[in-house]
Amino acid sequence: MDLPKVRGTLTLDKPLDGLTWLRVGGPADVLFQPADADDLAAFLATLDPSVPVFPMGVGSNLIVRDGGVRGVVIRLGRGFNGIEVSGDQVVAGAASLDAHVARKAAEAGVDLTFLRTIPGSIGGAVRMNAGCYGSYIADVFQSAEVILRDGTRQTLTDMQFAYRSSVLPEGAVLISATLKGPRGNPDTLAARMDAQLKKRDETQPTKDRTAGSTFRNPSGASSTGQAGDSHELKAWKVIQDAGMRGAQKGGAVMNDMHANFLTNAGGATAADLEDLGEEVRKKVYDSSGITLEWEIMRIGER
C-alpha cells in the first residue's frame, strides 16, 4: 500500500488490542495518528480511494476481531481534543473525552451533565447519539465538522439522529462538534455529576474490563433517541430472564453485576466475546421472541 507523507504518525501492522477497553483484537494494516486537521485532510486527499478507512475513538464501545482490520485505522489524538465554551455553546474536538466536556461545560454554567458518565470521546458520542438519564446528543447537537474521504471539509447540521445511531457521509471523519446546553449553576451541575457517578458505580461494573452496554434496549425510542416510557423493556432484564446473567465462554462473561455488560474476565479473545454475545441473542430470542441488537461496534476479520 502506497501511503502519503504525513506530519503525524503512521504505524504498519499495529496491534489494536491495547487501544480498546476490552483489550482484544488483531492488528490494523495501518494506524494513522494525524497531527491536526490539515494533516488528516491532506492524507485522505492523497490516499488511494480504494483503501478503506475506519475512524477509531478511544475504543470504549468496540470489539476488534482477532484477524485485525484491513486498510487504515485513523485515531485522533492531542490535536483534536480541544474544548471551548462560549455562552451556552461548547465546541469540542472529536478526541475530547465525554467526561471532560461535561466537566468543563459545567464549570462555565452549561448543562451537559449527562455526558459525565458516558465512556468514550465526543466523536463516538455524536456518531452513536449517546445518551443517558433521558438526554441524548441529538438534544444538544448544533453542528459537526467532518473531513470527507476526498479530503474536503464539510459542516453538518443534520445527522439524522435515531436511537443510538446517526448518518455520516461514507468515509467521513468527524473532527469536532458544537453542542448547546441549558444554563445552570456550576455548583448544582457539579453536585449532579457527583450523584450520577455514585449511582453508576453502585449499579455498573465500572472496575471490570467492559465496553459499556452490549445491546440496545429492545423497545422503541423516538427518532431523536429520546427514552420511551418507564415501562420500556431493558436489555439487562431480558438477558437475565433468559438465564444468561453470568454466562461464560472462554474468558468472556456476561457480568454478574449487570447482565448487559459483556466482560473480558481474563484471557478472552474477540471471538469469545462475540460468540458469547451471539449466544445471548439466541437465548433471548428463544425465550422471549425478542431480537437484541448489538450496541457495541464490531469491526475487522475473524
Protein backbone atom coordinates (compact mmCIF):
# COMPACT_ATOMS: atom_id res chain seq x y z
CA MET A 1 0.00 0.00 0.00
CA ASP A 2 1.42 3.39 -1.03
CA LEU A 3 0.97 5.82 1.83
CA PRO A 4 1.08 9.62 1.64
CA LYS A 5 3.70 11.54 3.59
CA VAL A 6 2.31 12.92 6.85
CA ARG A 7 3.31 15.06 9.81
CA GLY A 8 1.61 12.69 12.20
CA THR A 9 2.44 9.03 12.80
CA LEU A 10 1.92 6.04 10.51
CA THR A 11 2.40 2.59 12.03
CA LEU A 12 2.21 -0.61 9.98
CA ASP A 13 0.65 -3.80 11.40
CA LYS A 14 -0.26 -2.00 14.61
CA PRO A 15 -1.89 -4.27 17.25
CA LEU A 16 -5.20 -2.73 18.33
CA ASP A 17 -5.90 -4.79 21.44
CA GLY A 18 -4.15 -2.26 23.66
CA LEU A 19 -6.27 0.56 22.24
CA THR A 20 -9.66 -0.89 23.20
CA TRP A 21 -11.29 -1.16 26.60
CA LEU A 22 -11.88 -4.90 26.11
CA ARG A 23 -8.18 -5.43 25.29
CA VAL A 24 -8.80 -7.80 22.39
CA GLY A 25 -8.26 -7.78 18.64
CA GLY A 26 -5.73 -8.17 15.88
CA PRO A 27 -3.63 -5.55 14.07
CA ALA A 28 -4.58 -2.78 11.70
CA ASP A 29 -2.78 -2.83 8.36
CA VAL A 30 -2.00 0.82 9.10
CA LEU A 31 -2.70 3.05 12.10
CA PHE A 32 -2.64 6.77 11.30
CA GLN A 33 -2.49 9.33 14.08
CA PRO A 34 -2.74 12.74 12.34
CA ALA A 35 -1.02 15.78 13.76
CA ASP A 36 -4.00 18.04 13.09
CA ALA A 37 -6.96 18.55 10.76
CA ASP A 38 -4.80 19.76 7.86
CA ASP A 39 -2.61 16.66 8.15
CA LEU A 40 -5.69 14.43 8.12
CA ALA A 41 -7.24 16.24 5.15
CA ALA A 42 -4.06 16.00 3.09
CA PHE A 43 -3.69 12.30 3.91
CA LEU A 44 -7.25 11.46 2.87
CA ALA A 45 -6.99 13.54 -0.30
CA THR A 46 -3.88 11.63 -1.39
CA LEU A 47 -4.70 8.13 -0.17
CA ASP A 48 -5.86 5.65 -2.82
CA PRO A 49 -9.69 5.92 -2.77
CA SER A 50 -9.96 2.11 -2.81
CA VAL A 51 -8.26 1.82 0.61
CA PRO A 52 -10.86 1.59 3.37
CA VAL A 53 -10.55 3.86 6.40
CA PHE A 54 -12.03 3.45 9.87
CA PRO A 55 -12.06 6.31 12.37
CA MET A 56 -11.45 4.93 15.88
CA GLY A 57 -12.04 6.75 19.13
CA VAL A 58 -10.78 5.54 22.49
CA GLY A 59 -12.12 2.04 21.85
CA SER A 60 -14.69 2.18 24.65
CA ASN A 61 -17.55 0.68 22.64
CA LEU A 62 -15.68 -1.57 20.24
CA ILE A 63 -14.69 -5.17 19.58
CA VAL A 64 -11.80 -5.51 17.13
CA ARG A 65 -11.93 -9.06 15.78
CA ASP A 66 -8.90 -11.30 16.14
CA GLY A 67 -7.98 -11.18 12.44
CA GLY A 68 -7.46 -7.43 12.58
CA VAL A 69 -8.58 -4.58 10.32
CA ARG A 70 -7.73 -4.16 6.66
CA GLY A 71 -6.94 -0.69 5.40
CA VAL A 72 -6.22 2.37 7.57
CA VAL A 73 -7.46 2.92 11.11
CA ILE A 74 -7.46 6.64 11.95
CA ARG A 75 -7.10 7.54 15.60
CA LEU A 76 -7.45 11.19 16.57
CA GLY A 77 -5.39 12.44 19.49
CA ARG A 78 -3.96 15.58 21.01
CA GLY A 79 -4.60 17.80 18.00
CA PHE A 80 -8.32 17.04 18.21
CA ASN A 81 -9.15 17.26 21.95
CA GLY A 82 -9.72 20.98 22.48
CA ILE A 83 -12.80 22.20 24.38
CA GLU A 84 -14.04 25.79 24.09
CA VAL A 85 -17.09 27.26 25.82
CA SER A 86 -18.77 30.45 24.64
CA GLY A 87 -22.08 31.40 26.21
CA ASP A 88 -24.26 28.30 26.09
CA GLN A 89 -22.29 26.67 23.26
CA VAL A 90 -19.45 24.17 23.59
CA VAL A 91 -17.12 23.32 20.71
CA ALA A 92 -15.40 20.02 21.45
CA GLY A 93 -12.80 18.19 19.42
CA ALA A 94 -13.73 14.66 18.45
CA ALA A 95 -10.99 13.20 20.66
CA SER A 96 -12.08 15.08 23.79
CA LEU A 97 -13.46 12.75 26.41
CA ASP A 98 -17.17 12.98 27.17
CA ALA A 99 -16.44 13.34 30.88
CA HIS A 100 -14.02 16.24 30.27
CA VAL A 101 -16.58 18.04 28.10
CA ALA A 102 -19.24 17.64 30.79
CA ARG A 103 -16.95 18.99 33.49
CA LYS A 104 -15.63 21.95 31.51
CA ALA A 105 -19.13 22.89 30.39
CA ALA A 106 -20.43 22.67 33.96
CA GLU A 107 -17.64 24.95 35.21
CA ALA A 108 -18.89 27.54 32.70
CA GLY A 109 -22.53 27.04 33.73
CA VAL A 110 -23.60 24.94 30.73
CA ASP A 111 -25.55 21.76 31.45
CA LEU A 112 -24.11 18.82 29.51
CA THR A 113 -24.03 16.73 32.68
CA PHE A 114 -25.49 13.63 31.01
CA LEU A 115 -22.14 13.18 29.27
CA ARG A 116 -20.26 12.77 32.55
CA THR A 117 -20.84 9.03 32.91
CA ILE A 118 -20.70 8.10 29.22
CA PRO A 119 -17.43 6.33 28.38
CA GLY A 120 -15.56 7.44 25.30
CA SER A 121 -14.96 10.57 23.27
CA ILE A 122 -17.21 13.16 21.65
CA GLY A 123 -16.66 11.79 18.15
CA GLY A 124 -18.08 8.44 19.14
CA ALA A 125 -20.81 10.04 21.25
CA VAL A 126 -22.06 12.04 18.26
CA ARG A 127 -21.72 9.09 15.90
CA MET A 128 -23.79 6.86 18.23
CA ASN A 129 -26.15 9.56 19.53
CA ALA A 130 -25.01 8.65 23.04
CA GLY A 131 -27.26 9.40 25.95
CA CYS A 132 -28.38 8.63 29.48
CA TYR A 133 -30.70 10.00 32.16
CA GLY A 134 -33.19 10.88 29.43
CA SER A 135 -30.85 13.15 27.47
CA TYR A 136 -29.15 12.44 24.15
CA ILE A 137 -26.58 14.10 21.91
CA ALA A 138 -29.45 14.84 19.50
CA ASP A 139 -30.97 17.13 22.15
CA VAL A 140 -27.89 19.38 22.35
CA PHE A 141 -26.37 18.98 18.88
CA GLN A 142 -25.80 22.09 16.75
CA SER A 143 -23.31 21.02 14.11
CA ALA A 144 -20.35 18.77 13.35
CA GLU A 145 -17.19 19.39 11.35
CA VAL A 146 -16.10 16.45 9.21
CA ILE A 147 -13.39 15.71 6.70
CA LEU A 148 -14.73 13.74 3.77
CA ARG A 149 -12.98 10.77 2.18
CA ASP A 150 -11.62 13.02 -0.59
CA GLY A 151 -10.05 15.39 1.94
CA THR A 152 -12.58 18.21 1.71
CA ARG A 153 -14.21 19.67 4.81
CA GLN A 154 -17.91 19.97 5.47
CA THR A 155 -20.18 21.26 8.23
CA LEU A 156 -23.14 19.03 9.04
CA THR A 157 -26.22 20.36 10.80
CA ASP A 158 -28.46 17.32 10.25
CA MET A 159 -27.09 13.88 11.10
CA GLN A 160 -30.45 12.08 11.01
CA PHE A 161 -30.18 11.04 14.64
CA ALA A 162 -32.09 7.99 15.82
CA TYR A 163 -31.75 5.70 18.80
CA ARG A 164 -28.01 5.01 19.16
CA SER A 165 -27.31 5.99 15.56
CA SER A 166 -26.67 8.83 13.13
CA VAL A 167 -25.78 9.17 9.45
CA LEU A 168 -22.40 10.36 8.21
CA PRO A 169 -21.17 10.53 4.61
CA GLU A 170 -19.32 7.34 3.64
CA GLY A 171 -15.70 7.51 4.77
CA ALA A 172 -16.10 10.84 6.59
CA VAL A 173 -14.06 11.50 9.73
CA LEU A 174 -15.75 13.65 12.37
CA ILE A 175 -13.25 16.12 13.85
CA SER A 176 -15.35 18.36 16.13
CA ALA A 177 -18.88 19.06 17.30
CA THR A 178 -20.73 22.13 18.54
CA LEU A 179 -23.20 21.44 21.36
CA LYS A 180 -25.66 23.78 23.06
CA GLY A 181 -26.85 23.14 26.59
CA PRO A 182 -29.18 24.91 29.01
CA ARG A 183 -27.66 27.26 31.57
CA GLY A 184 -27.19 26.08 35.12
CA ASN A 185 -25.42 26.90 38.36
CA PRO A 186 -21.91 25.40 38.27
CA ASP A 187 -22.13 24.09 41.85
CA THR A 188 -25.51 22.49 41.17
CA LEU A 189 -24.22 20.88 37.97
CA ALA A 190 -21.12 19.56 39.77
CA ALA A 191 -23.28 18.04 42.50
CA ARG A 192 -25.50 16.40 39.90
CA MET A 193 -22.50 14.82 38.20
CA ASP A 194 -21.18 13.53 41.53
CA ALA A 195 -24.56 11.90 42.18
CA GLN A 196 -24.58 10.35 38.70
CA LEU A 197 -21.11 8.89 39.23
CA LYS A 198 -22.14 7.44 42.57
CA LYS A 199 -25.23 5.85 41.04
CA ARG A 200 -23.21 4.43 38.14
CA ASP A 201 -20.60 2.91 40.42
CA GLU A 202 -23.34 1.29 42.51
CA THR A 203 -25.12 -0.30 39.55
CA GLN A 204 -22.47 -0.94 36.87
CA PRO A 205 -19.19 -2.92 36.86
CA THR A 206 -17.02 0.15 36.35
CA LYS A 207 -13.86 -1.59 37.57
CA ASP A 208 -14.21 -4.55 35.19
CA ARG A 209 -13.00 -4.77 31.60
CA THR A 210 -16.14 -4.00 29.60
CA ALA A 211 -17.22 -1.88 26.64
CA GLY A 212 -20.29 -0.37 28.25
CA SER A 213 -23.76 -1.63 27.38
CA THR A 214 -23.55 -4.58 24.99
CA PHE A 215 -27.04 -4.50 23.48
CA ARG A 216 -29.54 -1.76 22.80
CA ASN A 217 -32.71 -1.71 24.84
CA PRO A 218 -35.22 -3.64 22.74
CA SER A 219 -38.17 -1.26 22.95
CA GLY A 220 -38.54 1.73 20.64
CA ALA A 221 -37.44 5.28 21.13
CA SER A 222 -38.25 8.46 19.27
CA SER A 223 -36.38 9.50 16.14
CA THR A 224 -34.07 11.71 18.20
CA GLY A 225 -33.31 8.92 20.61
CA GLN A 226 -35.46 10.14 23.47
CA ALA A 227 -36.20 7.44 26.02
CA GLY A 228 -39.58 5.79 25.90
CA ASP A 229 -41.92 5.47 28.85
CA SER A 230 -40.93 3.93 32.17
CA HIS A 231 -42.28 0.53 31.11
CA GLU A 232 -39.92 0.06 28.18
CA LEU A 233 -38.01 -3.20 28.12
CA LYS A 234 -34.42 -3.21 29.28
CA ALA A 235 -31.76 -5.37 27.68
CA TRP A 236 -30.36 -6.46 31.05
CA LYS A 237 -33.82 -7.69 32.13
CA VAL A 238 -34.48 -9.87 29.07
CA ILE A 239 -30.92 -11.25 29.31
CA GLN A 240 -31.45 -12.09 32.96
CA ASP A 241 -34.86 -13.62 32.27
CA ALA A 242 -33.24 -15.84 29.63
CA GLY A 243 -30.87 -17.18 32.27
CA MET A 244 -27.79 -15.60 30.74
CA ARG A 245 -26.56 -13.44 33.61
CA GLY A 246 -23.12 -14.82 34.43
CA ALA A 247 -22.95 -16.90 31.22
CA GLN A 248 -19.38 -17.61 30.17
CA LYS A 249 -17.41 -18.59 27.07
CA GLY A 250 -13.65 -18.81 27.41
CA GLY A 251 -12.60 -15.61 29.14
CA ALA A 252 -15.82 -13.80 28.23
CA VAL A 253 -18.59 -13.36 30.81
CA MET A 254 -21.97 -11.63 30.96
CA ASN A 255 -21.33 -9.63 34.10
CA ASP A 256 -22.99 -10.76 37.32
CA MET A 257 -23.43 -7.17 38.49
CA HIS A 258 -25.18 -6.02 35.29
CA ALA A 259 -26.29 -8.63 32.76
CA ASN A 260 -25.92 -6.28 29.76
CA PHE A 261 -22.18 -5.82 30.29
CA LEU A 262 -20.07 -8.22 28.25
CA THR A 263 -16.81 -8.60 30.18
CA ASN A 264 -13.28 -9.78 29.48
CA ALA A 265 -12.73 -11.58 32.76
CA GLY A 266 -9.20 -12.55 31.72
CA GLY A 267 -7.70 -14.01 28.58
CA ALA A 268 -10.77 -13.61 26.39
CA THR A 269 -10.39 -13.44 22.63
CA ALA A 270 -12.56 -11.26 20.44
CA ALA A 271 -14.18 -14.47 19.20
CA ASP A 272 -15.04 -15.46 22.80
CA LEU A 273 -16.74 -12.13 23.36
CA GLU A 274 -18.63 -12.00 20.09
CA ASP A 275 -19.66 -15.66 20.24
CA LEU A 276 -20.98 -15.24 23.79
CA GLY A 277 -22.92 -12.18 22.65
CA GLU A 278 -24.47 -14.16 19.81
CA GLU A 279 -25.36 -16.96 22.21
CA VAL A 280 -27.09 -14.42 24.43
CA ARG A 281 -29.04 -13.08 21.47
CA LYS A 282 -30.18 -16.62 20.57
CA LYS A 283 -31.23 -17.47 24.12
CA VAL A 284 -33.16 -14.23 24.47
CA TYR A 285 -34.93 -14.80 21.17
CA ASP A 286 -35.76 -18.42 22.07
CA SER A 287 -37.17 -17.44 25.46
CA SER A 288 -38.99 -14.21 24.61
CA GLY A 289 -39.08 -13.73 20.84
CA ILE A 290 -37.07 -10.53 21.24
CA THR A 291 -34.12 -9.91 18.91
CA LEU A 292 -31.41 -7.94 20.69
CA GLU A 293 -29.33 -5.57 18.58
CA TRP A 294 -25.65 -5.02 19.29
CA GLU A 295 -24.74 -1.62 20.72
CA ILE A 296 -21.02 -2.46 20.74
CA MET A 297 -19.49 -1.95 17.30
CA ARG A 298 -17.60 -4.95 15.88
CA ILE A 299 -15.02 -4.48 13.15
CA GLY A 300 -12.36 -6.47 11.34
CA GLU A 301 -11.87 -10.08 10.30
CA ARG A 302 -12.33 -13.16 12.44
